[in-house]
Protein backbone atom coordinates (compact mmCIF):
# COMPACT_ATOMS: atom_id res chain seq x y z
CA MET A 1 -6.84 -17.16 19.63
CA SER A 2 -7.81 -14.57 17.05
CA ARG A 3 -8.12 -15.80 13.48
CA ARG A 4 -8.33 -12.37 11.89
CA ALA A 5 -6.33 -11.24 8.86
CA ASP A 6 -5.63 -7.67 7.72
CA LEU A 7 -4.88 -8.09 4.02
CA HIS A 8 -3.89 -4.57 2.97
CA MET A 9 -1.03 -2.49 4.36
CA HIS A 10 2.03 -0.57 3.21
CA THR A 11 5.62 -0.26 4.38
CA THR A 12 8.70 1.82 3.66
CA ALA A 13 9.13 -0.28 0.50
CA SER A 14 6.55 2.09 -1.02
CA ASP A 15 4.70 4.92 0.71
CA GLY A 16 4.28 3.49 4.21
CA MET A 17 5.92 5.04 7.26
CA PHE A 18 7.10 1.86 8.97
CA ALA A 19 9.53 -0.89 8.03
CA PRO A 20 7.99 -4.27 7.15
CA ALA A 21 9.16 -5.85 10.43
CA ASP A 22 7.49 -3.02 12.36
CA ASN A 23 4.18 -3.73 10.63
CA VAL A 24 4.46 -7.37 11.68
CA ARG A 25 5.20 -6.36 15.27
CA MET A 26 2.21 -4.01 15.36
CA ALA A 27 0.02 -6.76 13.91
CA LYS A 28 1.15 -9.08 16.70
CA GLU A 29 0.32 -6.39 19.26
CA ALA A 30 -3.11 -5.96 17.65
CA GLY A 31 -3.81 -9.66 18.08
CA LEU A 32 -3.92 -10.47 14.37
CA PHE A 33 -3.31 -13.98 13.07
CA ALA A 34 -2.19 -12.86 9.60
CA ILE A 35 -1.38 -9.80 7.51
CA ALA A 36 -0.60 -9.11 3.87
CA ILE A 37 2.15 -6.72 2.81
CA THR A 38 0.77 -4.97 -0.28
CA ASP A 39 3.16 -2.20 -1.29
CA HIS A 40 2.60 -0.32 -4.54
CA ASP A 41 4.05 -2.12 -7.56
CA THR A 42 6.77 -3.83 -5.53
CA VAL A 43 7.44 -6.86 -3.32
CA ALA A 44 10.58 -5.28 -1.86
CA GLY A 45 9.25 -5.45 1.71
CA VAL A 46 7.97 -9.02 1.64
CA GLU A 47 11.11 -10.97 2.61
CA GLU A 48 11.75 -8.84 5.71
CA ALA A 49 8.11 -9.25 6.74
CA LEU A 50 8.24 -13.01 6.22
CA ARG A 51 11.28 -13.27 8.48
CA ALA A 52 9.61 -11.17 11.17
CA GLY A 53 6.44 -13.22 10.84
CA ARG A 54 8.30 -16.44 11.47
CA GLU A 55 9.96 -14.94 14.55
CA LEU A 56 6.75 -13.48 16.01
CA GLY A 57 4.24 -16.12 14.98
CA VAL A 58 2.30 -13.96 12.52
CA VAL A 59 1.37 -15.39 9.12
CA VAL A 60 2.61 -13.01 6.41
CA VAL A 61 0.94 -13.12 3.00
CA PRO A 62 3.05 -11.83 0.10
CA GLY A 63 1.04 -9.26 -1.79
CA VAL A 64 1.30 -6.22 -4.01
CA GLU A 65 -1.03 -3.38 -5.02
CA LEU A 66 -0.86 -2.70 -8.75
CA SER A 67 -1.57 0.71 -10.25
CA THR A 68 -3.85 0.24 -13.27
CA VAL A 69 -6.38 2.13 -15.36
CA ALA A 70 -9.89 1.28 -16.55
CA SER A 71 -12.28 3.58 -18.40
CA GLY A 72 -9.97 6.51 -17.69
CA LYS A 73 -9.99 5.90 -13.92
CA ASP A 74 -7.03 4.96 -11.74
CA ILE A 75 -7.88 1.52 -10.34
CA HIS A 76 -5.78 -0.42 -7.85
CA VAL A 77 -5.65 -4.21 -8.03
CA LEU A 78 -4.40 -6.30 -5.12
CA ALA A 79 -2.49 -9.49 -5.91
CA TYR A 80 -2.10 -12.45 -3.56
CA GLY A 81 -0.81 -16.00 -3.82
CA PHE A 82 1.56 -15.37 -6.73
CA ASP A 83 4.92 -17.03 -7.27
CA LEU A 84 7.52 -14.76 -5.66
CA ASP A 85 10.21 -16.23 -7.89
CA ASP A 86 8.38 -15.77 -11.20
CA GLY A 87 10.80 -13.75 -13.31
CA LYS A 88 8.21 -12.51 -15.77
CA TRP A 89 6.00 -11.28 -12.93
CA LEU A 90 8.89 -9.46 -11.26
CA SER A 91 9.84 -7.88 -14.60
CA ARG A 92 6.29 -6.60 -15.04
CA LEU A 93 6.39 -5.02 -11.58
CA GLU A 94 9.65 -3.35 -12.54
CA THR A 95 7.96 -1.93 -15.65
CA LEU A 96 5.25 -0.40 -13.47
CA ARG A 97 7.86 1.17 -11.19
CA GLU A 98 9.66 2.60 -14.20
CA GLY A 99 6.39 4.25 -15.18
CA ARG A 100 6.20 5.78 -11.71
CA ASN A 101 9.76 7.07 -12.02
CA LEU A 102 9.06 8.74 -15.36
CA ARG A 103 5.96 10.36 -13.91
CA ASN A 104 7.98 11.58 -10.92
CA GLU A 105 10.45 13.23 -13.29
CA ARG A 106 7.65 15.06 -15.10
CA MET A 107 6.09 16.21 -11.84
CA LEU A 108 9.43 17.48 -10.53
CA ALA A 109 9.86 19.42 -13.78
CA ASN A 110 6.39 20.93 -13.30
CA LEU A 111 7.22 21.95 -9.75
CA GLY A 112 10.46 23.54 -10.96
CA ARG A 113 8.52 25.64 -13.48
CA LEU A 114 6.17 26.63 -10.64
CA GLY A 115 9.09 27.94 -8.57
CA MET A 116 9.39 24.93 -6.28
CA PRO A 117 12.48 23.03 -7.46
CA ILE A 118 13.15 19.59 -6.00
CA SER A 119 16.19 17.61 -7.07
CA PRO A 120 16.13 13.84 -7.60
CA GLU A 121 18.45 13.54 -4.61
CA GLU A 122 16.02 15.49 -2.42
CA LEU A 123 13.17 13.25 -3.57
CA ALA A 124 15.23 10.15 -2.77
CA ALA A 125 15.95 11.53 0.70
CA ALA A 126 12.25 12.24 1.31
CA ALA A 127 11.46 8.68 0.24
CA GLY A 128 14.13 7.25 2.52
CA LYS A 129 15.30 5.40 -0.56
CA SER A 130 17.98 2.82 0.00
CA GLU A 131 20.24 1.34 -2.63
CA ARG A 132 17.50 -1.14 -3.53
CA LYS A 133 16.09 -0.44 -6.96
CA ASP A 134 12.79 -2.17 -6.21
CA LYS A 135 11.51 0.46 -3.76
CA SER A 136 8.43 2.23 -5.13
CA VAL A 137 8.55 6.06 -5.07
CA GLY A 138 5.49 8.17 -5.82
CA ARG A 139 3.46 11.28 -5.11
CA PRO A 140 3.46 10.95 -1.30
CA HIS A 141 7.23 11.17 -1.39
CA ILE A 142 7.10 14.25 -3.63
CA ALA A 143 4.67 15.77 -1.13
CA GLN A 144 7.08 15.02 1.71
CA ALA A 145 9.93 16.67 -0.23
CA MET A 146 7.73 19.75 -0.66
CA VAL A 147 7.17 19.85 3.11
CA ASP A 148 10.89 19.35 3.75
CA LYS A 149 11.71 22.29 1.44
CA GLY A 150 9.13 24.54 3.11
CA TYR A 151 6.98 24.93 0.00
CA VAL A 152 3.85 23.69 1.80
CA SER A 153 2.89 23.30 5.44
CA ASP A 154 1.82 19.67 5.26
CA LEU A 155 1.13 16.74 2.94
CA ARG A 156 -2.52 17.61 2.57
CA GLU A 157 -1.69 21.07 1.23
CA ALA A 158 0.79 19.52 -1.22
CA PHE A 159 -1.91 17.33 -2.71
CA ASP A 160 -4.81 19.78 -2.50
CA ARG A 161 -2.93 22.64 -4.17
CA TRP A 162 -0.36 20.99 -6.40
CA LEU A 163 -0.24 17.20 -6.78
CA ALA A 164 -3.81 15.90 -6.97
CA GLU A 165 -5.41 15.13 -10.32
CA GLY A 166 -6.19 18.37 -12.13
CA LYS A 167 -3.75 20.43 -10.05
CA PRO A 168 -0.81 22.35 -11.60
CA ALA A 169 1.97 19.79 -11.00
CA TYR A 170 -0.08 16.65 -11.68
CA GLU A 171 0.94 14.17 -14.37
CA ARG A 172 -0.87 10.97 -15.24
CA GLN A 173 1.14 7.78 -14.90
CA GLU A 174 1.33 5.34 -17.78
CA ARG A 175 -0.38 2.24 -16.45
CA ALA A 176 -1.44 -1.22 -17.50
CA THR A 177 -5.18 -1.69 -17.92
CA SER A 178 -6.93 -3.36 -15.02
CA LEU A 179 -7.84 -6.42 -17.07
CA GLU A 180 -4.27 -6.68 -18.35
CA ALA A 181 -2.94 -6.58 -14.78
CA ILE A 182 -5.46 -9.20 -13.69
CA GLY A 183 -4.10 -11.42 -16.46
CA TRP A 184 -0.54 -10.86 -15.24
CA ILE A 185 -1.53 -11.90 -11.72
CA HIS A 186 -3.21 -15.05 -12.96
CA GLU A 187 -0.18 -15.94 -15.08
CA ALA A 188 1.96 -15.69 -11.92
CA GLY A 189 -0.39 -18.10 -10.15
CA GLY A 190 -2.10 -15.44 -8.05
CA GLN A 191 -5.52 -14.09 -7.16
CA ALA A 192 -6.58 -10.60 -8.30
CA VAL A 193 -8.79 -8.46 -6.05
CA ILE A 194 -10.09 -4.96 -6.84
CA ALA A 195 -8.86 -2.71 -4.02
CA HIS A 196 -11.18 -0.32 -2.13
CA PRO A 197 -13.95 -0.30 -4.78
CA GLY A 198 -15.95 2.26 -2.85
CA ILE A 199 -13.53 5.10 -3.52
CA TYR A 200 -13.93 5.02 -7.31
CA GLY A 201 -17.49 6.30 -7.39
CA ASP A 202 -18.34 3.93 -10.23
CA ASP A 203 -19.97 0.69 -9.14
CA ASP A 204 -20.82 -0.23 -12.72
CA LEU A 205 -17.12 -0.21 -13.57
CA VAL A 206 -16.29 -2.22 -10.44
CA LEU A 207 -18.92 -4.81 -11.32
CA SER A 208 -17.61 -5.05 -14.89
CA LEU A 209 -14.11 -5.82 -13.57
CA LEU A 210 -15.47 -8.39 -11.14
CA ASP A 211 -17.38 -10.11 -13.94
CA GLY A 212 -14.51 -9.57 -16.38
CA GLY A 213 -11.90 -11.64 -14.57
CA ALA A 214 -11.15 -10.32 -11.07
CA ASP A 215 -11.24 -12.96 -8.35
CA GLY A 216 -12.81 -10.71 -5.76
CA LEU A 217 -13.35 -7.31 -4.19
CA GLU A 218 -11.84 -5.70 -1.14
CA ALA A 219 -15.26 -5.42 0.47
CA TYR A 220 -13.99 -4.31 3.88
CA HIS A 221 -11.79 -1.21 3.85
CA SER A 222 -11.14 1.69 6.21
CA ASP A 223 -12.75 4.15 3.77
CA HIS A 224 -15.90 2.08 3.19
CA ASN A 225 -19.17 2.64 5.00
CA PRO A 226 -21.32 -0.28 6.22
CA GLU A 227 -23.64 -0.11 3.21
CA GLN A 228 -20.74 -0.34 0.78
CA GLU A 229 -19.25 -3.26 2.67
CA ARG A 230 -22.58 -5.10 2.63
CA ARG A 231 -23.08 -4.48 -1.09
CA TYR A 232 -19.62 -5.62 -2.16
CA ALA A 233 -19.78 -8.69 0.06
CA GLU A 234 -23.14 -9.61 -1.50
CA TRP A 235 -21.77 -9.17 -5.03
CA THR A 236 -18.86 -11.51 -4.36
CA ALA A 237 -20.96 -14.09 -2.52
CA ALA A 238 -23.45 -14.24 -5.39
CA ARG A 239 -20.60 -15.04 -7.79
CA GLY A 240 -18.61 -17.37 -5.56
CA LYS A 241 -15.74 -14.90 -5.45
CA LEU A 242 -13.54 -13.46 -2.71
CA ALA A 243 -14.53 -10.72 -0.27
CA THR A 244 -11.27 -9.55 1.26
CA GLY A 245 -10.57 -6.76 3.70
CA GLY A 246 -7.81 -4.66 5.17
CA SER A 247 -6.91 -1.43 6.89
CA ASP A 248 -4.78 0.04 4.07
CA PHE A 249 -2.45 1.14 6.85
CA HIS A 250 0.28 3.57 5.76
CA GLY A 251 1.30 4.98 9.12
CA VAL A 252 0.85 8.30 10.86
CA LYS A 253 1.21 11.46 8.79
CA ASP A 254 0.62 14.93 10.17
CA GLY A 255 -0.86 13.34 13.29
CA LYS A 256 -3.42 11.31 11.32
CA VAL A 257 -3.48 7.55 10.74
CA TYR A 258 -3.74 6.72 7.01
CA HIS A 259 -6.09 5.06 6.05
CA GLY A 260 -6.76 3.12 9.22
CA ALA A 261 -4.82 1.52 12.04
CA ILE A 262 -3.55 -2.02 11.58
CA GLY A 263 -6.49 -4.35 12.16
CA ASN A 264 -9.04 -1.58 11.60
CA ARG A 265 -10.54 -3.86 8.94
CA SER A 266 -9.96 -7.59 8.77
CA VAL A 267 -11.47 -10.83 7.56
CA ASP A 268 -11.50 -14.39 8.84
CA ALA A 269 -8.17 -16.07 8.16
CA ASP A 270 -9.97 -19.02 6.58
CA ILE A 271 -9.84 -16.98 3.37
CA LEU A 272 -6.10 -17.62 3.19
CA ASP A 273 -6.72 -21.11 1.86
CA ARG A 274 -8.46 -19.61 -1.15
CA LEU A 275 -5.55 -17.24 -1.62
CA GLY A 276 -3.17 -20.17 -1.85
CA VAL A 277 -1.47 -19.40 1.46
CA ARG A 278 -0.47 -22.18 3.84
CA THR A 279 -0.94 -21.30 7.51
CA GLU A 280 0.77 -24.33 9.08
């Protein structure tokens, strides 16, 4: 039996295309032993995934991907093994989502000034937002609303012309620092892993975060090349830290799988013990 774990994927609780239970089903079909649900700044999809995991025999690891900043760069930090009932932790996640919501408001105002008005109701519809307040809404949902309104032909155009950093509608989100977020994760009893370090283009910064308190690096990621994966795995091994991996699956958008299919990257499930996850 496979003992592989895909420790990075998204659901409709943030910017994924599939419900949490669907991700679990696809993981089962892919022959995975375990997955982690790591939506942006929210654990809203975890309970549904846990239920589906129990039904289908897939170990589900509660996770979250925090939006942080370090040295002026947007850095994502994955959290695992935290206490799902920790009120202070959940309040901090809510604060991060509030920052996203304020940024969304500013970006919608920018689009309005650019002749592309989108109402909050239209954004909510594009996000498929339910009555739950803990769903995370962000730029991919704004991009989808732009497609729905006919302002752009696809999501890629929305980002390339309007929503990416430096483009006319872009606004920076107020974020916790990476080291601050790592401290939050530790306070909640969890492990903090720097997500997809290869995309930041700043290995010195990544190494400083690893040595500054992070518990590991996501060495294996759909957007990493073999050399990057080897380097990050060596860095963590030399320090006795975690080398995690995952597909960063979001679903299929415009006919393309983002960032990779479930199971595209995985690690041995033995790592779950170090993440504080019981598998029996």
